[in-house]
């Protein structure tokens, strides 16, 4: 699979409080805003939110899932900006856009520059991202 400029790929993910709490526990994130609804109700968010590491992992995982269908992919760098909370009980849209593809003979593949985001159920951008990956025939 080759990447090409203006290529778009996306995925919907329905979060559940159990999923959000399980990830936080596995990641060592004991912040009660991710698993304690009573605590979260008294915060600025009003209910449990997904951790930034969880939502970021979902977005980065989409790049691997998309390109590894018929090629090999290695993440080179990613940058994220958290703009709004993502609640533990909503369906989110993960989206990526390829903005540039540069052949790199030294790495035996293409360096792909991406712009991504996660939109909440209200279609607001909750997380913005940039990334660079290597798409190649083999690892």
Protein backbone atom coordinates (compact mmCIF):
# COMPACT_ATOMS: atom_id res chain seq x y z
CA UNK A 1 0.00 0.00 0.00
CA UNK A 2 1.36 3.37 -0.97
CA UNK A 3 0.37 6.58 0.74
CA UNK A 4 -0.72 9.48 -1.42
CA UNK A 5 -1.32 13.19 -0.73
CA UNK A 6 -4.89 14.07 0.27
CA UNK A 7 -5.60 10.45 1.24
CA UNK A 8 -8.05 10.31 4.14
CA UNK A 9 -8.85 7.49 6.51
CA UNK A 10 -11.02 7.38 9.59
CA UNK A 11 -12.75 5.19 12.15
CA UNK A 12 -15.59 5.58 14.64
CA UNK A 13 -14.98 4.31 18.17
CA UNK A 14 -17.65 3.99 20.84
CA UNK A 15 -16.14 4.45 24.27
CA UNK A 16 -17.58 2.96 27.44
CA UNK A 17 -16.77 3.83 31.04
CA UNK A 18 -15.47 0.27 31.56
CA UNK A 19 -13.12 0.57 28.57
CA UNK A 20 -11.83 3.96 29.73
CA UNK A 21 -11.28 2.74 33.30
CA UNK A 22 -9.53 -0.44 32.11
CA UNK A 23 -7.10 1.53 29.95
CA UNK A 24 -6.35 4.00 32.75
CA UNK A 25 -5.64 1.11 35.12
CA UNK A 26 -3.41 -0.69 32.63
CA UNK A 27 -1.50 2.53 31.93
CA UNK A 28 -0.97 3.24 35.63
CA UNK A 29 -3.16 6.35 35.50
CA UNK A 30 -4.95 6.40 38.85
CA UNK A 31 -6.60 9.79 38.31
CA UNK A 32 -10.17 9.22 39.56
CA UNK A 33 -11.63 11.41 36.79
CA UNK A 34 -11.16 8.38 34.52
CA UNK A 35 -12.90 5.77 36.68
CA UNK A 36 -14.86 7.29 39.57
CA UNK A 37 -18.17 8.77 38.42
CA UNK A 38 -18.87 10.35 41.82
CA UNK A 39 -15.51 12.11 41.82
CA UNK A 40 -15.84 13.11 38.16
CA UNK A 41 -19.31 14.59 38.77
CA UNK A 42 -17.74 17.19 41.07
CA UNK A 43 -15.11 18.25 38.49
CA UNK A 44 -15.31 20.78 35.67
CA UNK A 45 -16.14 17.86 33.34
CA UNK A 46 -19.22 16.62 35.23
CA UNK A 47 -18.63 12.98 34.33
CA UNK A 48 -15.69 10.63 33.64
CA UNK A 49 -13.36 11.48 30.77
CA UNK A 50 -10.99 9.34 28.75
CA UNK A 51 -7.31 9.86 29.45
CA UNK A 52 -5.25 11.70 26.87
CA UNK A 53 -2.94 8.71 26.51
CA UNK A 54 -5.93 6.50 25.65
CA UNK A 55 -7.38 8.76 22.99
CA UNK A 56 -3.92 9.41 21.55
CA UNK A 57 -3.25 5.65 21.41
CA UNK A 58 -6.49 5.11 19.51
CA UNK A 59 -5.56 7.76 16.95
CA UNK A 60 -2.00 6.49 16.50
CA UNK A 61 -3.24 2.92 16.33
CA UNK A 62 -5.40 3.86 13.36
CA UNK A 63 -2.29 4.70 11.33
CA UNK A 64 -0.82 1.26 12.01
CA UNK A 65 -4.09 -0.53 11.29
CA UNK A 66 -4.61 1.37 8.04
CA UNK A 67 -1.14 0.94 6.52
CA UNK A 68 -0.31 -2.51 7.85
CA UNK A 69 -3.12 -4.04 5.78
CA UNK A 70 -0.74 -4.32 2.82
CA UNK A 71 2.54 -2.65 3.80
CA UNK A 72 4.75 -2.06 6.80
CA UNK A 73 4.55 1.11 8.87
CA UNK A 74 6.78 2.64 11.53
CA UNK A 75 5.88 5.72 13.54
CA UNK A 76 8.62 8.36 13.43
CA UNK A 77 7.10 11.20 15.44
CA UNK A 78 3.74 12.47 16.62
CA UNK A 79 2.52 15.65 18.27
CA UNK A 80 -0.89 16.11 19.89
CA UNK A 81 -2.87 18.98 21.33
CA UNK A 82 -5.78 18.39 23.69
CA UNK A 83 -8.54 20.89 22.97
CA UNK A 84 -11.66 19.47 24.66
CA UNK A 85 -12.45 16.59 26.98
CA UNK A 86 -13.50 13.28 25.50
CA UNK A 87 -16.13 11.69 27.69
CA UNK A 88 -16.02 8.04 28.70
CA UNK A 89 -19.46 7.38 27.22
CA UNK A 90 -19.36 8.90 23.75
CA UNK A 91 -18.68 7.85 20.18
CA UNK A 92 -15.70 9.61 18.65
CA UNK A 93 -14.41 9.94 15.10
CA UNK A 94 -10.68 9.36 14.50
CA UNK A 95 -9.45 11.03 11.30
CA UNK A 96 -6.15 11.33 9.41
CA UNK A 97 -5.21 13.26 6.27
CA UNK A 98 -1.98 12.66 4.33
CA UNK A 99 -0.45 16.07 3.59
CA UNK A 100 2.89 15.07 2.06
CA UNK A 101 4.68 11.93 0.85
CA UNK A 102 8.46 12.02 0.43
CA UNK A 103 10.39 9.04 -0.96
CA UNK A 104 13.36 8.20 1.27
CA UNK A 105 15.77 5.73 -0.34
CA UNK A 106 17.93 5.55 2.81
CA UNK A 107 14.93 4.28 4.82
CA UNK A 108 13.69 2.20 1.86
CA UNK A 109 10.22 3.71 1.89
CA UNK A 110 8.12 6.85 1.97
CA UNK A 111 8.06 9.36 4.81
CA UNK A 112 4.41 10.37 5.17
CA UNK A 113 3.35 13.57 6.91
CA UNK A 114 -0.11 13.43 8.47
CA UNK A 115 -2.60 15.76 10.12
CA UNK A 116 -5.19 14.17 12.34
CA UNK A 117 -7.92 14.84 14.80
CA UNK A 118 -10.50 13.29 17.04
CA UNK A 119 -13.99 14.73 16.85
CA UNK A 120 -16.49 14.28 19.65
CA UNK A 121 -20.18 13.46 19.26
CA UNK A 122 -20.89 17.14 18.60
CA UNK A 123 -18.35 17.10 15.72
CA UNK A 124 -16.05 19.43 17.64
CA UNK A 125 -12.31 18.80 17.42
CA UNK A 126 -11.30 17.43 20.81
CA UNK A 127 -7.73 16.50 19.88
CA UNK A 128 -5.50 17.73 17.07
CA UNK A 129 -2.45 15.83 15.86
CA UNK A 130 0.47 15.87 13.46
CA UNK A 131 2.65 12.92 12.64
CA UNK A 132 5.36 11.47 10.46
CA UNK A 133 5.48 7.79 9.62
CA UNK A 134 7.50 5.54 7.38
CA UNK A 135 5.53 3.38 4.95
CA UNK A 136 7.66 0.64 3.45
CA UNK A 137 7.43 -2.85 1.99
CA UNK A 138 9.01 -4.50 5.01
CA UNK A 139 10.22 -3.71 8.52
